[in-house]
Amino acid sequence: MAIPPDTKDWTWVMTQPCPECGFNPSAVRHADVADRIARSAAGWGDTLARPDVRVRPDEHTWSVLEYGCHVRDVLRIMRTRLGLMLTYDQASADGATFENWDQDATAVDDRYGVQDPAVVADEIGTAAAEFALAYGAVQGDQWNRRGLRSNGSAFTVESFAAYALHDLEHHRVDVGLDPSTA
């Protein structure tokens, strides 16, 4: 059974704390972003090794495996989008434009629920390391570079860091991992 699509606009987490997971965007510091991204992968290997990894707790919630696949893809998509913001033509008024990503369609099309959990765990580690490395290279005025999502949501490299970190840390809570270890 398909999970009902998430239609919530989560961009508010760039400026306000999340009451569900405790993420606070005002606590995000440039110097900490890369490390927090890298640490977001911690614990996924053990979590994805659970015997019930494919079981959905209810008809509206992904399984741990599906969340793992989503986190892996978030890391990859966010890394690509960061790269676009860092390389776009600065003369553009809005900055880089991001293609639409329908996370719910991806979950169905890529058959998240039947992927190999051990492979997904490795892919999360690799994707987190690559995304962390990319953010670790951001310097000076690059934090002000811009990007625009297909729905019109605007980001800077700085606000995008908060948005991405929230996604990564929130999903740790979704699967029972401590967000503070990320």
C-alpha atoms as a PDB file:
ATOM      1  CA  MET A   1       0.000   0.000   0.000  1.00  0.00           C
ATOM      2  CA  ALA A   2       1.289   3.464  -0.910  1.00  0.00           C
ATOM      3  CA  ILE A   3       1.874   5.950   1.883  1.00  0.00           C
ATOM      4  CA  PRO A   4      -0.201   9.135   1.558  1.00  0.00           C
ATOM      5  CA  PRO A   5       2.013  11.853   0.021  1.00  0.00           C
ATOM      6  CA  ASP A   6       3.649  14.371   2.342  1.00  0.00           C
ATOM      7  CA  THR A   7       2.298  17.701   1.120  1.00  0.00           C
ATOM      8  CA  LYS A   8       3.614  19.769   4.024  1.00  0.00           C
ATOM      9  CA  ASP A   9       5.977  22.628   3.141  1.00  0.00           C
ATOM     10  CA  TRP A  10       8.882  22.032   5.518  1.00  0.00           C
ATOM     11  CA  THR A  11      10.808  25.210   4.597  1.00  0.00           C
ATOM     12  CA  TRP A  12       9.701  26.832   7.864  1.00  0.00           C
ATOM     13  CA  VAL A  13      12.373  24.725   9.609  1.00  0.00           C
ATOM     14  CA  MET A  14      14.978  27.120   8.219  1.00  0.00           C
ATOM     15  CA  THR A  15      13.781  29.777  10.669  1.00  0.00           C
ATOM     16  CA  GLN A  16      11.796  28.027  13.417  1.00  0.00           C
ATOM     17  CA  PRO A  17      12.469  25.097  15.754  1.00  0.00           C
ATOM     18  CA  CYS A  18      10.746  21.807  14.916  1.00  0.00           C
ATOM     19  CA  PRO A  19       8.485  20.715  17.774  1.00  0.00           C
ATOM     20  CA  GLU A  20       8.488  17.107  16.527  1.00  0.00           C
ATOM     21  CA  CYS A  21      12.242  16.451  16.592  1.00  0.00           C
ATOM     22  CA  GLY A  22      13.722  19.398  18.508  1.00  0.00           C
ATOM     23  CA  PHE A  23      15.824  20.716  15.617  1.00  0.00           C
ATOM     24  CA  ASN A  24      16.693  24.384  16.122  1.00  0.00           C
ATOM     25  CA  PRO A  25      17.960  26.251  13.035  1.00  0.00           C
ATOM     26  CA  SER A  26      19.422  29.049  15.164  1.00  0.00           C
ATOM     27  CA  ALA A  27      21.910  26.511  16.551  1.00  0.00           C
ATOM     28  CA  VAL A  28      23.350  25.726  13.101  1.00  0.00           C
ATOM     29  CA  ARG A  29      26.874  27.139  12.761  1.00  0.00           C
ATOM     30  CA  HIS A  30      28.846  27.191   9.510  1.00  0.00           C
ATOM     31  CA  ALA A  31      31.766  25.441  11.170  1.00  0.00           C
ATOM     32  CA  ASP A  32      29.525  22.563  12.340  1.00  0.00           C
ATOM     33  CA  VAL A  33      27.508  21.817   9.196  1.00  0.00           C
ATOM     34  CA  ALA A  34      29.869  19.324   7.552  1.00  0.00           C
ATOM     35  CA  ASP A  35      30.407  17.410  10.792  1.00  0.00           C
ATOM     36  CA  ARG A  36      26.681  17.250  11.530  1.00  0.00           C
ATOM     37  CA  ILE A  37      25.997  15.927   8.036  1.00  0.00           C
ATOM     38  CA  ALA A  38      28.698  13.273   8.419  1.00  0.00           C
ATOM     39  CA  ARG A  39      27.407  12.268  11.862  1.00  0.00           C
ATOM     40  CA  SER A  40      23.843  11.962  10.532  1.00  0.00           C
ATOM     41  CA  ALA A  41      24.850   8.581   9.081  1.00  0.00           C
ATOM     42  CA  ALA A  42      25.781   7.191  12.511  1.00  0.00           C
ATOM     43  CA  GLY A  43      23.604   4.327  13.678  1.00  0.00           C
ATOM     44  CA  TRP A  44      21.868   3.665  10.371  1.00  0.00           C
ATOM     45  CA  GLY A  45      23.772   0.393   9.882  1.00  0.00           C
ATOM     46  CA  ASP A  46      22.451  -1.086  13.136  1.00  0.00           C
ATOM     47  CA  THR A  47      19.006   0.357  12.577  1.00  0.00           C
ATOM     48  CA  LEU A  48      18.801  -1.134   9.092  1.00  0.00           C
ATOM     49  CA  ALA A  49      19.912  -4.512  10.482  1.00  0.00           C
ATOM     50  CA  ARG A  50      16.787  -4.838  12.636  1.00  0.00           C
ATOM     51  CA  PRO A  51      14.704  -7.934  11.893  1.00  0.00           C
ATOM     52  CA  ASP A  52      11.579  -5.762  11.409  1.00  0.00           C
ATOM     53  CA  VAL A  53      13.300  -3.313   9.035  1.00  0.00           C
ATOM     54  CA  ARG A  54      10.625  -3.815   6.327  1.00  0.00           C
ATOM     55  CA  VAL A  55       7.596  -3.561   8.622  1.00  0.00           C
ATOM     56  CA  ARG A  56       5.500  -0.422   8.516  1.00  0.00           C
ATOM     57  CA  PRO A  57       4.202   0.529  11.974  1.00  0.00           C
ATOM     58  CA  ASP A  58       0.924   1.698  10.432  1.00  0.00           C
ATOM     59  CA  GLU A  59      -0.584   2.473   7.040  1.00  0.00           C
ATOM     60  CA  HIS A  60       0.622   6.096   7.139  1.00  0.00           C
ATOM     61  CA  THR A  61       4.250   5.537   8.142  1.00  0.00           C
ATOM     62  CA  TRP A  62       7.230   4.244   6.209  1.00  0.00           C
ATOM     63  CA  SER A  63       9.236   1.270   7.407  1.00  0.00           C
ATOM     64  CA  VAL A  64      12.764   1.810   8.719  1.00  0.00           C
ATOM     65  CA  LEU A  65      14.082   0.579   5.354  1.00  0.00           C
ATOM     66  CA  GLU A  66      11.940   3.068   3.456  1.00  0.00           C
ATOM     67  CA  TYR A  67      13.155   5.891   5.704  1.00  0.00           C
ATOM     68  CA  GLY A  68      16.721   4.731   5.123  1.00  0.00           C
ATOM     69  CA  CYS A  69      16.275   4.813   1.360  1.00  0.00           C
ATOM     70  CA  HIS A  70      14.723   8.263   1.634  1.00  0.00           C
ATOM     71  CA  VAL A  71      17.608   9.571   3.763  1.00  0.00           C
ATOM     72  CA  ARG A  72      20.127   8.187   1.257  1.00  0.00           C
ATOM     73  CA  ASP A  73      18.300   9.939  -1.564  1.00  0.00           C
ATOM     74  CA  VAL A  74      17.955  13.169   0.429  1.00  0.00           C
ATOM     75  CA  LEU A  75      21.724  13.186   0.942  1.00  0.00           C
ATOM     76  CA  ARG A  76      22.303  12.679  -2.789  1.00  0.00           C
ATOM     77  CA  ILE A  77      19.722  15.248  -3.915  1.00  0.00           C
ATOM     78  CA  MET A  78      20.903  17.835  -1.397  1.00  0.00           C
ATOM     79  CA  ARG A  79      24.525  17.313  -2.469  1.00  0.00           C
ATOM     80  CA  THR A  80      23.539  17.915  -6.095  1.00  0.00           C
ATOM     81  CA  ARG A  81      21.551  21.016  -5.187  1.00  0.00           C
ATOM     82  CA  LEU A  82      24.413  22.417  -3.117  1.00  0.00           C
ATOM     83  CA  GLY A  83      26.681  21.894  -6.117  1.00  0.00           C
ATOM     84  CA  LEU A  84      24.249  23.808  -8.318  1.00  0.00           C
ATOM     85  CA  MET A  85      24.166  26.743  -5.901  1.00  0.00           C
ATOM     86  CA  LEU A  86      27.946  26.835  -5.707  1.00  0.00           C
ATOM     87  CA  THR A  87      28.430  26.788  -9.489  1.00  0.00           C
ATOM     88  CA  TYR A  88      25.519  28.841 -10.855  1.00  0.00           C
ATOM     89  CA  ASP A  89      26.058  32.061 -12.754  1.00  0.00           C
ATOM     90  CA  GLN A  90      25.969  34.761 -10.089  1.00  0.00           C
ATOM     91  CA  ALA A  91      24.304  37.149 -12.533  1.00  0.00           C
ATOM     92  CA  SER A  92      21.102  35.110 -12.240  1.00  0.00           C
ATOM     93  CA  ALA A  93      18.595  36.907  -9.999  1.00  0.00           C
ATOM     94  CA  ASP A  94      17.282  33.763  -8.297  1.00  0.00           C
ATOM     95  CA  GLY A  95      20.378  31.593  -8.391  1.00  0.00           C
ATOM     96  CA  ALA A  96      20.355  27.936  -9.309  1.00  0.00           C
ATOM     97  CA  THR A  97      17.012  26.313 -10.088  1.00  0.00           C
ATOM     98  CA  PHE A  98      16.333  22.862  -8.711  1.00  0.00           C
ATOM     99  CA  GLU A  99      14.378  20.277 -10.656  1.00  0.00           C
ATOM    100  CA  ASN A 100      11.290  18.968  -8.893  1.00  0.00           C
ATOM    101  CA  TRP A 101      11.833  15.845  -6.806  1.00  0.00           C
ATOM    102  CA  ASP A 102       8.733  13.891  -5.913  1.00  0.00           C
ATOM    103  CA  GLN A 103       9.938  11.902  -2.921  1.00  0.00           C
ATOM    104  CA  ASP A 104       6.745   9.876  -2.739  1.00  0.00           C
ATOM    105  CA  ALA A 105       6.921   8.825  -6.393  1.00  0.00           C
ATOM    106  CA  THR A 106      10.594   7.948  -5.939  1.00  0.00           C
ATOM    107  CA  ALA A 107       9.745   5.697  -2.983  1.00  0.00           C
ATOM    108  CA  VAL A 108       7.278   3.768  -5.144  1.00  0.00           C
ATOM    109  CA  ASP A 109       9.266   3.790  -8.398  1.00  0.00           C
ATOM    110  CA  ASP A 110      12.522   2.735  -6.729  1.00  0.00           C
ATOM    111  CA  ARG A 111      10.750   0.148  -4.574  1.00  0.00           C
ATOM    112  CA  TYR A 112      12.209   1.352  -1.304  1.00  0.00           C
ATOM    113  CA  GLY A 113      10.572  -1.428   0.673  1.00  0.00           C
ATOM    114  CA  VAL A 114      12.413  -4.244  -1.104  1.00  0.00           C
ATOM    115  CA  GLN A 115      15.925  -2.797  -1.313  1.00  0.00           C
ATOM    116  CA  ASP A 116      18.818  -4.509   0.466  1.00  0.00           C
ATOM    117  CA  PRO A 117      19.142  -2.888   3.918  1.00  0.00           C
ATOM    118  CA  ALA A 118      22.914  -3.521   4.139  1.00  0.00           C
ATOM    119  CA  VAL A 119      23.471  -1.844   0.777  1.00  0.00           C
ATOM    120  CA  VAL A 120      21.282   1.087   1.821  1.00  0.00           C
ATOM    121  CA  ALA A 121      23.299   1.482   5.037  1.00  0.00           C
ATOM    122  CA  ASP A 122      26.542   1.626   3.052  1.00  0.00           C
ATOM    123  CA  GLU A 123      25.022   4.091   0.598  1.00  0.00           C
ATOM    124  CA  ILE A 124      23.898   6.368   3.453  1.00  0.00           C
ATOM    125  CA  GLY A 125      27.458   6.404   4.772  1.00  0.00           C
ATOM    126  CA  THR A 126      28.938   7.211   1.374  1.00  0.00           C
ATOM    127  CA  ALA A 127      26.341   9.867   0.542  1.00  0.00           C
ATOM    128  CA  ALA A 128      26.729  11.527   3.956  1.00  0.00           C
ATOM    129  CA  ALA A 129      30.514  11.631   3.574  1.00  0.00           C
ATOM    130  CA  GLU A 130      30.246  13.186   0.106  1.00  0.00           C
ATOM    131  CA  PHE A 131      27.669  15.774   1.192  1.00  0.00           C
ATOM    132  CA  ALA A 132      29.716  16.618   4.295  1.00  0.00           C
ATOM    133  CA  LEU A 133      32.835  17.048   2.181  1.00  0.00           C
ATOM    134  CA  ALA A 134      30.962  19.424  -0.139  1.00  0.00           C
ATOM    135  CA  TYR A 135      29.711  21.556   2.751  1.00  0.00           C
ATOM    136  CA  GLY A 136      33.156  21.453   4.354  1.00  0.00           C
ATOM    137  CA  ALA A 137      34.523  23.240   1.292  1.00  0.00           C
ATOM    138  CA  VAL A 138      32.032  26.152   1.467  1.00  0.00           C
ATOM    139  CA  GLN A 139      33.799  29.415   2.258  1.00  0.00           C
ATOM    140  CA  GLY A 140      33.084  33.105   2.735  1.00  0.00           C
ATOM    141  CA  ASP A 141      30.526  34.583   0.372  1.00  0.00           C
ATOM    142  CA  GLN A 142      29.567  31.147  -0.927  1.00  0.00           C
ATOM    143  CA  TRP A 143      27.207  30.861   2.083  1.00  0.00           C
ATOM    144  CA  ASN A 144      25.107  33.592   0.412  1.00  0.00           C
ATOM    145  CA  ARG A 145      24.722  31.890  -2.957  1.00  0.00           C
ATOM    146  CA  ARG A 146      21.137  31.234  -3.909  1.00  0.00           C
ATOM    147  CA  GLY A 147      18.910  28.450  -5.139  1.00  0.00           C
ATOM    148  CA  LEU A 148      15.249  28.183  -6.061  1.00  0.00           C
ATOM    149  CA  ARG A 149      13.111  25.059  -5.747  1.00  0.00           C
ATOM    150  CA  SER A 150      10.527  24.337  -8.430  1.00  0.00           C
ATOM    151  CA  ASN A 151       7.702  25.389  -6.075  1.00  0.00           C
ATOM    152  CA  GLY A 152       9.295  28.828  -5.589  1.00  0.00           C
ATOM    153  CA  SER A 153      10.967  28.194  -2.225  1.00  0.00           C
ATOM    154  CA  ALA A 154      14.178  30.213  -2.076  1.00  0.00           C
ATOM    155  CA  PHE A 155      17.367  29.170  -0.318  1.00  0.00           C
ATOM    156  CA  THR A 156      20.860  30.378   0.331  1.00  0.00           C
ATOM    157  CA  VAL A 157      23.656  27.899   0.916  1.00  0.00           C
ATOM    158  CA  GLU A 158      23.318  28.851   4.604  1.00  0.00           C
ATOM    159  CA  SER A 159      19.541  28.352   4.877  1.00  0.00           C
ATOM    160  CA  PHE A 160      19.825  25.198   2.779  1.00  0.00           C
ATOM    161  CA  ALA A 161      22.210  23.779   5.393  1.00  0.00           C
ATOM    162  CA  ALA A 162      19.531  24.185   8.063  1.00  0.00           C
ATOM    163  CA  TYR A 163      16.874  22.711   5.781  1.00  0.00           C
ATOM    164  CA  ALA A 164      19.038  19.676   4.957  1.00  0.00           C
ATOM    165  CA  LEU A 165      20.180  19.117   8.539  1.00  0.00           C
ATOM    166  CA  HIS A 166      16.603  19.182   9.747  1.00  0.00           C
ATOM    167  CA  ASP A 167      15.597  16.535   7.222  1.00  0.00           C
ATOM    168  CA  LEU A 168      18.506  14.288   8.177  1.00  0.00           C
ATOM    169  CA  GLU A 169      18.077  14.710  11.929  1.00  0.00           C
ATOM    170  CA  HIS A 170      14.262  14.531  11.869  1.00  0.00           C
ATOM    171  CA  HIS A 171      14.326  11.153  10.141  1.00  0.00           C
ATOM    172  CA  ARG A 172      16.695   9.858  12.809  1.00  0.00           C
ATOM    173  CA  VAL A 173      13.844  10.492  15.266  1.00  0.00           C
ATOM    174  CA  ASP A 174      11.407   8.769  12.904  1.00  0.00           C
ATOM    175  CA  VAL A 175      13.385   5.517  13.167  1.00  0.00           C
ATOM    176  CA  GLY A 176      14.304   5.746  16.856  1.00  0.00           C
ATOM    177  CA  LEU A 177      17.819   7.152  16.542  1.00  0.00           C
ATOM    178  CA  ASP A 178      18.971   9.976  18.785  1.00  0.00           C
ATOM    179  CA  PRO A 179      19.186  13.216  16.781  1.00  0.00           C
ATOM    180  CA  SER A 180      21.718  14.650  19.228  1.00  0.00           C
ATOM    181  CA  THR A 181      24.283  12.067  18.140  1.00  0.00           C
ATOM    182  CA  ALA A 182      24.068  13.439  14.629  1.00  0.00           C
END
